[in-house]
Amino acid sequence: GSRKIVVTVRVTECGKVPRNAGLPFLDVTLRNTRAKEAHSYILGARY
């Protein structure tokens, strides 16, 4: 199956965010009863 997920990003401290995000990525961890997998997704230049 699949699920639509909306991710909301909030600024909590301006001094700790990059001025130019460069190649931002999200880390996603998937798991079930038998395994756990970590994935990183670079979301591209437009993002």
All heavy atoms as atom14 arrays in JSON, in Angstrom:
{
  "sequence": "GSRKIVVTVRVTECGKVPRNAGLPFLDVTLRNTRAKEAHSYILGARY",
  "atom14_mask": [
    [1, 1, 1, 1, 0, 0, 0, 0, 0, 0, 0, 0, 0, 0],
    [1, 1, 1, 1, 1, 1, 0, 0, 0, 0, 0, 0, 0, 0],
    [1, 1, 1, 1, 1, 1, 1, 1, 1, 1, 1, 0, 0, 0],
    [1, 1, 1, 1, 1, 1, 1, 1, 1, 0, 0, 0, 0, 0],
    [1, 1, 1, 1, 1, 1, 1, 1, 0, 0, 0, 0, 0, 0],
    [1, 1, 1, 1, 1, 1, 1, 0, 0, 0, 0, 0, 0, 0],
    [1, 1, 1, 1, 1, 1, 1, 0, 0, 0, 0, 0, 0, 0],
    [1, 1, 1, 1, 1, 1, 1, 0, 0, 0, 0, 0, 0, 0],
    [1, 1, 1, 1, 1, 1, 1, 0, 0, 0, 0, 0, 0, 0],
    [1, 1, 1, 1, 1, 1, 1, 1, 1, 1, 1, 0, 0, 0],
    [1, 1, 1, 1, 1, 1, 1, 0, 0, 0, 0, 0, 0, 0],
    [1, 1, 1, 1, 1, 1, 1, 0, 0, 0, 0, 0, 0, 0],
    [1, 1, 1, 1, 1, 1, 1, 1, 1, 0, 0, 0, 0, 0],
    [1, 1, 1, 1, 1, 1, 0, 0, 0, 0, 0, 0, 0, 0],
    [1, 1, 1, 1, 0, 0, 0, 0, 0, 0, 0, 0, 0, 0],
    [1, 1, 1, 1, 1, 1, 1, 1, 1, 0, 0, 0, 0, 0],
    [1, 1, 1, 1, 1, 1, 1, 0, 0, 0, 0, 0, 0, 0],
    [1, 1, 1, 1, 1, 1, 1, 0, 0, 0, 0, 0, 0, 0],
    [1, 1, 1, 1, 1, 1, 1, 1, 1, 1, 1, 0, 0, 0],
    [1, 1, 1, 1, 1, 1, 1, 1, 0, 0, 0, 0, 0, 0],
    [1, 1, 1, 1, 1, 0, 0, 0, 0, 0, 0, 0, 0, 0],
    [1, 1, 1, 1, 0, 0, 0, 0, 0, 0, 0, 0, 0, 0],
    [1, 1, 1, 1, 1, 1, 1, 1, 0, 0, 0, 0, 0, 0],
    [1, 1, 1, 1, 1, 1, 1, 0, 0, 0, 0, 0, 0, 0],
    [1, 1, 1, 1, 1, 1, 1, 1, 1, 1, 1, 0, 0, 0],
    [1, 1, 1, 1, 1, 1, 1, 1, 0, 0, 0, 0, 0, 0],
    [1, 1, 1, 1, 1, 1, 1, 1, 0, 0, 0, 0, 0, 0],
    [1, 1, 1, 1, 1, 1, 1, 0, 0, 0, 0, 0, 0, 0],
    [1, 1, 1, 1, 1, 1, 1, 0, 0, 0, 0, 0, 0, 0],
    [1, 1, 1, 1, 1, 1, 1, 1, 0, 0, 0, 0, 0, 0],
    [1, 1, 1, 1, 1, 1, 1, 1, 1, 1, 1, 0, 0, 0],
    [1, 1, 1, 1, 1, 1, 1, 1, 0, 0, 0, 0, 0, 0],
    [1, 1, 1, 1, 1, 1, 1, 0, 0, 0, 0, 0, 0, 0],
    [1, 1, 1, 1, 1, 1, 1, 1, 1, 1, 1, 0, 0, 0],
    [1, 1, 1, 1, 1, 0, 0, 0, 0, 0, 0, 0, 0, 0],
    [1, 1, 1, 1, 1, 1, 1, 1, 1, 0, 0, 0, 0, 0],
    [1, 1, 1, 1, 1, 1, 1, 1, 1, 0, 0, 0, 0, 0],
    [1, 1, 1, 1, 1, 0, 0, 0, 0, 0, 0, 0, 0, 0],
    [1, 1, 1, 1, 1, 1, 1, 1, 1, 1, 0, 0, 0, 0],
    [1, 1, 1, 1, 1, 1, 0, 0, 0, 0, 0, 0, 0, 0],
    [1, 1, 1, 1, 1, 1, 1, 1, 1, 1, 1, 1, 0, 0],
    [1, 1, 1, 1, 1, 1, 1, 1, 0, 0, 0, 0, 0, 0],
    [1, 1, 1, 1, 1, 1, 1, 1, 0, 0, 0, 0, 0, 0],
    [1, 1, 1, 1, 0, 0, 0, 0, 0, 0, 0, 0, 0, 0],
    [1, 1, 1, 1, 1, 0, 0, 0, 0, 0, 0, 0, 0, 0],
    [1, 1, 1, 1, 1, 1, 1, 1, 1, 1, 1, 0, 0, 0],
    [1, 1, 1, 1, 1, 1, 1, 1, 1, 1, 1, 1, 0, 0]
  ],
  "atom14_positions": [
    [[0.81, -1.21, 0.0], [0.0, 0.0, 0.0], [0.84, 1.26, 0.0], [2.07, 1.22, 0.0], [0.0, 0.0, 0.0], [0.0, 0.0, 0.0], [0.0, 0.0, 0.0], [0.0, 0.0, 0.0], [0.0, 0.0, 0.0], [0.0, 0.0, 0.0], [0.0, 0.0, 0.0], [0.0, 0.0, 0.0], [0.0, 0.0, 0.0], [0.0, 0.0, 0.0]],
    [[0.16, 2.38, -0.01], [0.85, 3.67, 0.04], [0.03, 4.64, 0.89], [-1.16, 4.42, 1.11], [1.07, 4.24, -1.36], [-0.18, 4.52, -1.96], [0.0, 0.0, 0.0], [0.0, 0.0, 0.0], [0.0, 0.0, 0.0], [0.0, 0.0, 0.0], [0.0, 0.0, 0.0], [0.0, 0.0, 0.0], [0.0, 0.0, 0.0], [0.0, 0.0, 0.0]],
    [[0.69, 5.69, 1.37], [0.03, 6.73, 2.17], [0.54, 8.07, 1.71], [1.74, 8.22, 1.44], [0.36, 6.59, 3.65], [-0.13, 5.36, 4.35], [-1.6, 5.39, 4.71], [-2.01, 6.45, 5.59], [-2.16, 6.34, 6.91], [-1.88, 5.2, 7.51], [-2.57, 7.37, 7.62], [0.0, 0.0, 0.0], [0.0, 0.0, 0.0], [0.0, 0.0, 0.0]],
    [[-0.31, 9.06, 1.66], [0.11, 10.43, 1.41], [0.46, 11.04, 2.76], [-0.3, 10.95, 3.71], [-1.01, 11.23, 0.76], [-0.61, 12.66, 0.48], [-1.73, 13.42, -0.22], [-1.31, 14.84, -0.49], [-2.32, 15.56, -1.25], [0.0, 0.0, 0.0], [0.0, 0.0, 0.0], [0.0, 0.0, 0.0], [0.0, 0.0, 0.0], [0.0, 0.0, 0.0]],
    [[1.65, 11.66, 2.82], [2.12, 12.28, 4.06], [2.48, 13.73, 3.75], [3.22, 14.01, 2.8], [3.37, 11.54, 4.6], [3.03, 10.07, 4.86], [3.9, 12.22, 5.84], [4.24, 9.23, 5.14], [0.0, 0.0, 0.0], [0.0, 0.0, 0.0], [0.0, 0.0, 0.0], [0.0, 0.0, 0.0], [0.0, 0.0, 0.0], [0.0, 0.0, 0.0]],
    [[1.97, 14.64, 4.55], [2.3, 16.05, 4.42], [3.3, 16.38, 5.52], [3.04, 16.15, 6.7], [1.04, 16.94, 4.55], [1.42, 18.41, 4.52], [0.04, 16.61, 3.45], [0.0, 0.0, 0.0], [0.0, 0.0, 0.0], [0.0, 0.0, 0.0], [0.0, 0.0, 0.0], [0.0, 0.0, 0.0], [0.0, 0.0, 0.0], [0.0, 0.0, 0.0]],
    [[4.46, 16.9, 5.13], [5.5, 17.26, 6.08], [5.53, 18.78, 6.2], [5.66, 19.49, 5.21], [6.88, 16.73, 5.62], [7.98, 17.17, 6.59], [6.85, 15.21, 5.49], [0.0, 0.0, 0.0], [0.0, 0.0, 0.0], [0.0, 0.0, 0.0], [0.0, 0.0, 0.0], [0.0, 0.0, 0.0], [0.0, 0.0, 0.0], [0.0, 0.0, 0.0]],
    [[5.42, 19.27, 7.44], [5.47, 20.7, 7.71], [6.79, 21.01, 8.42], [7.13, 20.37, 9.41], [4.29, 21.13, 8.61], [3.07, 20.76, 7.96], [4.3, 22.62, 8.87], [0.0, 0.0, 0.0], [0.0, 0.0, 0.0], [0.0, 0.0, 0.0], [0.0, 0.0, 0.0], [0.0, 0.0, 0.0], [0.0, 0.0, 0.0], [0.0, 0.0, 0.0]],
    [[7.51, 21.99, 7.89], [8.79, 22.4, 8.46], [8.58, 23.73, 9.18], [8.01, 24.66, 8.61], [9.86, 22.56, 7.36], [11.18, 23.0, 7.94], [10.01, 21.28, 6.55], [0.0, 0.0, 0.0], [0.0, 0.0, 0.0], [0.0, 0.0, 0.0], [0.0, 0.0, 0.0], [0.0, 0.0, 0.0], [0.0, 0.0, 0.0], [0.0, 0.0, 0.0]],
    [[9.05, 23.82, 10.42], [8.95, 25.06, 11.2], [10.34, 25.52, 11.61], [11.19, 24.71, 11.99], [8.12, 24.83, 12.46], [6.66, 24.66, 12.17], [5.83, 24.68, 13.45], [4.43, 24.65, 13.13], [3.73, 23.55, 12.91], [4.31, 22.38, 12.98], [2.44, 23.61, 12.62], [0.0, 0.0, 0.0], [0.0, 0.0, 0.0], [0.0, 0.0, 0.0]],
    [[10.54, 26.84, 11.54], [11.8, 27.42, 12.02], [11.68, 27.59, 13.53], [10.76, 28.24, 14.01], [12.08, 28.78, 11.35], [13.32, 29.41, 11.94], [12.22, 28.62, 9.85], [0.0, 0.0, 0.0], [0.0, 0.0, 0.0], [0.0, 0.0, 0.0], [0.0, 0.0, 0.0], [0.0, 0.0, 0.0], [0.0, 0.0, 0.0], [0.0, 0.0, 0.0]],
    [[12.6, 26.99, 14.27], [12.59, 27.12, 15.72], [13.68, 28.06, 16.21], [13.55, 28.65, 17.28], [12.76, 25.75, 16.4], [13.97, 25.15, 15.93], [11.57, 24.84, 16.1], [0.0, 0.0, 0.0], [0.0, 0.0, 0.0], [0.0, 0.0, 0.0], [0.0, 0.0, 0.0], [0.0, 0.0, 0.0], [0.0, 0.0, 0.0], [0.0, 0.0, 0.0]],
    [[14.76, 28.2, 15.43], [15.86, 29.09, 15.82], [16.64, 29.5, 14.57], [17.36, 28.69, 13.98], [16.78, 28.4, 16.81], [17.75, 29.34, 17.46], [18.53, 28.68, 18.59], [18.06, 27.67, 19.13], [19.61, 29.2, 18.9], [0.0, 0.0, 0.0], [0.0, 0.0, 0.0], [0.0, 0.0, 0.0], [0.0, 0.0, 0.0], [0.0, 0.0, 0.0]],
    [[16.46, 30.76, 14.16], [17.07, 31.24, 12.91], [18.59, 31.09, 12.9], [19.17, 30.81, 11.86], [16.68, 32.69, 12.67], [14.95, 32.86, 12.14], [0.0, 0.0, 0.0], [0.0, 0.0, 0.0], [0.0, 0.0, 0.0], [0.0, 0.0, 0.0], [0.0, 0.0, 0.0], [0.0, 0.0, 0.0], [0.0, 0.0, 0.0], [0.0, 0.0, 0.0]],
    [[19.24, 31.25, 14.04], [20.69, 31.14, 14.1], [21.22, 29.75, 13.82], [22.42, 29.58, 13.59], [0.0, 0.0, 0.0], [0.0, 0.0, 0.0], [0.0, 0.0, 0.0], [0.0, 0.0, 0.0], [0.0, 0.0, 0.0], [0.0, 0.0, 0.0], [0.0, 0.0, 0.0], [0.0, 0.0, 0.0], [0.0, 0.0, 0.0], [0.0, 0.0, 0.0]],
    [[20.35, 28.76, 13.81], [20.79, 27.37, 13.59], [20.28, 26.78, 12.28], [20.31, 25.58, 12.09], [20.33, 26.49, 14.75], [21.03, 26.82, 16.04], [20.65, 25.85, 17.13], [21.41, 26.14, 18.4], [21.08, 25.19, 19.46], [0.0, 0.0, 0.0], [0.0, 0.0, 0.0], [0.0, 0.0, 0.0], [0.0, 0.0, 0.0], [0.0, 0.0, 0.0]],
    [[19.8, 27.64, 11.38], [19.38, 27.15, 10.06], [20.34, 27.68, 9.01], [20.92, 28.75, 9.17], [17.92, 27.55, 9.72], [16.95, 26.89, 10.66], [17.74, 29.04, 9.68], [0.0, 0.0, 0.0], [0.0, 0.0, 0.0], [0.0, 0.0, 0.0], [0.0, 0.0, 0.0], [0.0, 0.0, 0.0], [0.0, 0.0, 0.0], [0.0, 0.0, 0.0]],
    [[20.55, 26.95, 7.93], [21.48, 27.4, 6.89], [20.88, 28.57, 6.1], [19.68, 28.61, 5.86], [21.63, 26.16, 6.0], [20.33, 25.44, 6.16], [19.92, 25.68, 7.59], [0.0, 0.0, 0.0], [0.0, 0.0, 0.0], [0.0, 0.0, 0.0], [0.0, 0.0, 0.0], [0.0, 0.0, 0.0], [0.0, 0.0, 0.0], [0.0, 0.0, 0.0]],
    [[21.73, 29.5, 5.71], [21.26, 30.61, 4.89], [20.83, 30.11, 3.52], [19.87, 30.57, 2.93], [22.36, 31.64, 4.76], [21.92, 32.86, 4.02], [23.01, 33.91, 3.97], [22.39, 35.14, 3.58], [22.66, 36.3, 4.09], [23.55, 36.39, 5.03], [22.05, 37.37, 3.66], [0.0, 0.0, 0.0], [0.0, 0.0, 0.0], [0.0, 0.0, 0.0]],
    [[21.58, 29.14, 2.99], [21.24, 28.52, 1.72], [21.12, 27.03, 1.98], [22.09, 26.39, 2.35], [22.33, 28.82, 0.68], [22.01, 28.23, -0.67], [21.12, 27.4, -0.81], [22.75, 28.65, -1.66], [0.0, 0.0, 0.0], [0.0, 0.0, 0.0], [0.0, 0.0, 0.0], [0.0, 0.0, 0.0], [0.0, 0.0, 0.0], [0.0, 0.0, 0.0]],
    [[19.95, 26.49, 1.79], [19.69, 25.09, 2.16], [20.49, 24.08, 1.36], [20.63, 22.94, 1.78], [18.19, 24.79, 2.05], [0.0, 0.0, 0.0], [0.0, 0.0, 0.0], [0.0, 0.0, 0.0], [0.0, 0.0, 0.0], [0.0, 0.0, 0.0], [0.0, 0.0, 0.0], [0.0, 0.0, 0.0], [0.0, 0.0, 0.0], [0.0, 0.0, 0.0]],
    [[21.04, 24.45, 0.21], [21.89, 23.53, -0.55], [21.15, 22.28, -0.99], [20.26, 22.35, -1.8], [0.0, 0.0, 0.0], [0.0, 0.0, 0.0], [0.0, 0.0, 0.0], [0.0, 0.0, 0.0], [0.0, 0.0, 0.0], [0.0, 0.0, 0.0], [0.0, 0.0, 0.0], [0.0, 0.0, 0.0], [0.0, 0.0, 0.0], [0.0, 0.0, 0.0]],
    [[21.53, 21.14, -0.45], [20.89, 19.87, -0.78], [20.17, 19.32, 0.45], [20.65, 18.39, 1.1], [21.92, 18.85, -1.27], [22.52, 19.13, -2.64], [23.63, 18.13, -2.94], [21.46, 19.06, -3.73], [0.0, 0.0, 0.0], [0.0, 0.0, 0.0], [0.0, 0.0, 0.0], [0.0, 0.0, 0.0], [0.0, 0.0, 0.0], [0.0, 0.0, 0.0]],
    [[19.03, 19.9, 0.79], [18.32, 19.41, 1.98], [17.8, 17.99, 1.74], [17.48, 17.61, 0.62], [17.16, 20.4, 2.12], [16.92, 20.89, 0.74], [18.27, 20.91, 0.08], [0.0, 0.0, 0.0], [0.0, 0.0, 0.0], [0.0, 0.0, 0.0], [0.0, 0.0, 0.0], [0.0, 0.0, 0.0], [0.0, 0.0, 0.0], [0.0, 0.0, 0.0]],
    [[17.74, 17.24, 2.81], [17.24, 15.88, 2.68], [16.37, 15.53, 3.88], [16.43, 16.18, 4.92], [18.37, 14.86, 2.52], [19.36, 14.85, 3.64], [19.18, 14.01, 4.74], [20.48, 15.66, 3.62], [20.09, 13.99, 5.78], [21.41, 15.64, 4.65], [21.21, 14.81, 5.72], [0.0, 0.0, 0.0], [0.0, 0.0, 0.0], [0.0, 0.0, 0.0]],
    [[15.55, 14.53, 3.69], [14.75, 13.97, 4.77], [15.24, 12.56, 5.03], [15.53, 11.82, 4.1], [13.27, 13.91, 4.39], [12.52, 15.22, 4.27], [11.08, 14.94, 3.86], [12.55, 16.0, 5.56], [0.0, 0.0, 0.0], [0.0, 0.0, 0.0], [0.0, 0.0, 0.0], [0.0, 0.0, 0.0], [0.0, 0.0, 0.0], [0.0, 0.0, 0.0]],
    [[15.34, 12.21, 6.3], [15.64, 10.84, 6.69], [14.34, 10.16, 7.07], [13.57, 10.7, 7.88], [16.6, 10.8, 7.89], [17.98, 11.32, 7.53], [18.43, 11.03, 6.4], [18.6, 11.99, 8.36], [0.0, 0.0, 0.0], [0.0, 0.0, 0.0], [0.0, 0.0, 0.0], [0.0, 0.0, 0.0], [0.0, 0.0, 0.0], [0.0, 0.0, 0.0]],
    [[14.08, 9.02, 6.47], [12.86, 8.26, 6.73], [13.27, 6.88, 7.23], [14.09, 6.22, 6.61], [11.99, 8.15, 5.46], [10.75, 7.32, 5.72], [11.63, 9.54, 4.92], [0.0, 0.0, 0.0], [0.0, 0.0, 0.0], [0.0, 0.0, 0.0], [0.0, 0.0, 0.0], [0.0, 0.0, 0.0], [0.0, 0.0, 0.0], [0.0, 0.0, 0.0]],
    [[12.7, 6.46, 8.35], [12.96, 5.12, 8.87], [11.69, 4.29, 8.74], [10.62, 4.7, 9.2], [13.38, 5.19, 10.35], [14.55, 6.01, 10.45], [13.69, 3.8, 10.89], [0.0, 0.0, 0.0], [0.0, 0.0, 0.0], [0.0, 0.0, 0.0], [0.0, 0.0, 0.0], [0.0, 0.0, 0.0], [0.0, 0.0, 0.0], [0.0, 0.0, 0.0]],
    [[11.82, 3.15, 8.09], [10.72, 2.21, 7.91], [11.02, 0.97, 8.71], [12.16, 0.51, 8.76], [10.57, 1.85, 6.42], [10.43, 3.01, 5.45], [10.52, 2.5, 4.02], [9.13, 3.75, 5.68], [0.0, 0.0, 0.0], [0.0, 0.0, 0.0], [0.0, 0.0, 0.0], [0.0, 0.0, 0.0], [0.0, 0.0, 0.0], [0.0, 0.0, 0.0]],
    [[9.99, 0.41, 9.34], [10.23, -0.83, 10.08], [8.96, -1.67, 10.12], [7.85, -1.18, 9.97], [10.73, -0.56, 11.48], [9.71, 0.08, 12.37], [10.31, 0.38, 13.74], [9.36, 1.17, 14.47], [8.68, 0.75, 15.5], [8.85, -0.47, 15.96], [7.83, 1.53, 16.1], [0.0, 0.0, 0.0], [0.0, 0.0, 0.0], [0.0, 0.0, 0.0]],
    [[9.18, -2.96, 10.3], [8.09, -3.89, 10.57], [8.58, -4.83, 11.67], [9.6, -4.57, 12.29], [7.64, -4.62, 9.29], [8.73, -5.48, 8.69], [9.68, -5.87, 9.35], [8.61, -5.75, 7.4], [0.0, 0.0, 0.0], [0.0, 0.0, 0.0], [0.0, 0.0, 0.0], [0.0, 0.0, 0.0], [0.0, 0.0, 0.0], [0.0, 0.0, 0.0]],
    [[7.86, -5.9, 11.89], [8.24, -6.79, 13.0], [9.57, -7.5, 12.76], [10.2, -7.96, 13.7], [7.14, -7.84, 13.25], [6.9, -8.54, 12.03], [5.88, -7.19, 13.75], [0.0, 0.0, 0.0], [0.0, 0.0, 0.0], [0.0, 0.0, 0.0], [0.0, 0.0, 0.0], [0.0, 0.0, 0.0], [0.0, 0.0, 0.0], [0.0, 0.0, 0.0]],
    [[10.02, -7.57, 11.52], [11.24, -8.31, 11.2], [12.44, -7.44, 10.85], [13.57, -7.9, 10.89], [10.99, -9.27, 10.04], [9.99, -10.35, 10.36], [9.8, -11.23, 9.13], [9.44, -10.4, 7.99], [8.29, -10.43, 7.36], [7.36, -11.26, 7.74], [8.05, -9.65, 6.35], [0.0, 0.0, 0.0], [0.0, 0.0, 0.0], [0.0, 0.0, 0.0]],
    [[12.21, -6.2, 10.42], [13.34, -5.41, 9.92], [13.11, -3.91, 10.12], [11.98, -3.46, 10.32], [13.53, -5.69, 8.43], [0.0, 0.0, 0.0], [0.0, 0.0, 0.0], [0.0, 0.0, 0.0], [0.0, 0.0, 0.0], [0.0, 0.0, 0.0], [0.0, 0.0, 0.0], [0.0, 0.0, 0.0], [0.0, 0.0, 0.0], [0.0, 0.0, 0.0]],
    [[14.22, -3.17, 10.03], [14.19, -1.72, 10.13], [15.13, -1.18, 9.05], [16.26, -1.67, 8.91], [14.68, -1.3, 11.52], [14.68, 0.18, 11.76], [15.11, 0.44, 13.21], [15.17, 1.9, 13.52], [15.57, 2.16, 14.9], [0.0, 0.0, 0.0], [0.0, 0.0, 0.0], [0.0, 0.0, 0.0], [0.0, 0.0, 0.0], [0.0, 0.0, 0.0]],
    [[14.66, -0.21, 8.26], [15.46, 0.36, 7.19], [15.47, 1.88, 7.3], [14.44, 2.49, 7.52], [14.89, 0.0, 5.81], [14.95, -1.44, 5.46], [14.4, -1.71, 4.06], [13.88, -0.78, 3.42], [14.47, -2.86, 3.63], [0.0, 0.0, 0.0], [0.0, 0.0, 0.0], [0.0, 0.0, 0.0], [0.0, 0.0, 0.0], [0.0, 0.0, 0.0]],
    [[16.65, 2.47, 7.12], [16.78, 3.92, 7.1], [17.05, 4.36, 5.66], [17.89, 3.76, 4.97], [17.92, 4.36, 8.01], [0.0, 0.0, 0.0], [0.0, 0.0, 0.0], [0.0, 0.0, 0.0], [0.0, 0.0, 0.0], [0.0, 0.0, 0.0], [0.0, 0.0, 0.0], [0.0, 0.0, 0.0], [0.0, 0.0, 0.0], [0.0, 0.0, 0.0]],
    [[16.36, 5.4, 5.22], [16.52, 5.94, 3.88], [16.69, 7.45, 3.97], [16.06, 8.1, 4.82], [15.28, 5.66, 3.01], [15.0, 4.22, 2.82], [15.55, 3.49, 1.8], [14.24, 3.36, 3.54], [15.13, 2.23, 1.89], [14.33, 2.13, 2.94], [0.0, 0.0, 0.0], [0.0, 0.0, 0.0], [0.0, 0.0, 0.0], [0.0, 0.0, 0.0]],
    [[17.53, 8.02, 3.11], [17.66, 9.47, 3.01], [17.22, 9.87, 1.61], [17.6, 9.24, 0.63], [19.11, 9.92, 3.22], [19.45, 9.86, 4.57], [0.0, 0.0, 0.0], [0.0, 0.0, 0.0], [0.0, 0.0, 0.0], [0.0, 0.0, 0.0], [0.0, 0.0, 0.0], [0.0, 0.0, 0.0], [0.0, 0.0, 0.0], [0.0, 0.0, 0.0]],
    [[16.41, 10.92, 1.54], [15.91, 11.4, 0.27], [16.34, 12.84, 0.06], [16.01, 13.71, 0.87], [14.38, 11.32, 0.22], [13.86, 9.91, 0.31], [13.47, 9.38, 1.53], [13.81, 9.1, -0.81], [13.01, 8.07, 1.62], [13.36, 7.79, -0.72], [12.96, 7.29, 0.51], [12.5, 6.0, 0.6], [0.0, 0.0, 0.0], [0.0, 0.0, 0.0]],
    [[17.11, 13.09, -0.99], [17.44, 14.45, -1.39], [16.28, 14.91, -2.25], [15.92, 14.27, -3.23], [18.77, 14.51, -2.16], [19.92, 14.09, -1.24], [19.01, 15.92, -2.71], [21.25, 13.98, -1.93], [0.0, 0.0, 0.0], [0.0, 0.0, 0.0], [0.0, 0.0, 0.0], [0.0, 0.0, 0.0], [0.0, 0.0, 0.0], [0.0, 0.0, 0.0]],
    [[15.67, 16.02, -1.86], [14.41, 16.42, -2.47], [14.57, 17.3, -3.7], [13.58, 17.7, -4.3], [13.54, 17.1, -1.42], [13.25, 16.19, -0.22], [12.49, 16.94, 0.84], [12.49, 14.95, -0.64], [0.0, 0.0, 0.0], [0.0, 0.0, 0.0], [0.0, 0.0, 0.0], [0.0, 0.0, 0.0], [0.0, 0.0, 0.0], [0.0, 0.0, 0.0]],
    [[15.78, 17.62, -4.12], [16.0, 18.29, -5.38], [16.15, 19.8, -5.3], [15.92, 20.43, -4.27], [0.0, 0.0, 0.0], [0.0, 0.0, 0.0], [0.0, 0.0, 0.0], [0.0, 0.0, 0.0], [0.0, 0.0, 0.0], [0.0, 0.0, 0.0], [0.0, 0.0, 0.0], [0.0, 0.0, 0.0], [0.0, 0.0, 0.0], [0.0, 0.0, 0.0]],
    [[16.56, 20.37, -6.45], [16.88, 21.79, -6.53], [15.68, 22.69, -6.28], [15.79, 23.72, -5.63], [17.5, 22.1, -7.9], [0.0, 0.0, 0.0], [0.0, 0.0, 0.0], [0.0, 0.0, 0.0], [0.0, 0.0, 0.0], [0.0, 0.0, 0.0], [0.0, 0.0, 0.0], [0.0, 0.0, 0.0], [0.0, 0.0, 0.0], [0.0, 0.0, 0.0]],
    [[14.52, 22.33, -6.79], [13.34, 23.18, -6.59], [12.97, 23.27, -5.12], [12.68, 24.34, -4.59], [12.16, 22.65, -7.4], [10.98, 23.62, -7.41], [9.91, 23.17, -8.33], [9.01, 22.3, -7.57], [8.04, 21.6, -8.1], [7.83, 21.6, -9.38], [7.27, 20.86, -7.33], [0.0, 0.0, 0.0], [0.0, 0.0, 0.0], [0.0, 0.0, 0.0]],
    [[13.01, 22.14, -4.42], [12.74, 22.14, -2.98], [13.78, 22.97, -2.24], [13.45, 23.74, -1.34], [12.7, 20.71, -2.44], [12.55, 20.66, -0.95], [11.31, 20.86, -0.35], [13.64, 20.42, -0.12], [11.16, 20.83, 1.03], [13.51, 20.38, 1.25], [12.27, 20.58, 1.82], [12.14, 20.55, 3.17], [0.0, 0.0, 0.0], [0.0, 0.0, 0.0]]
  ]
}
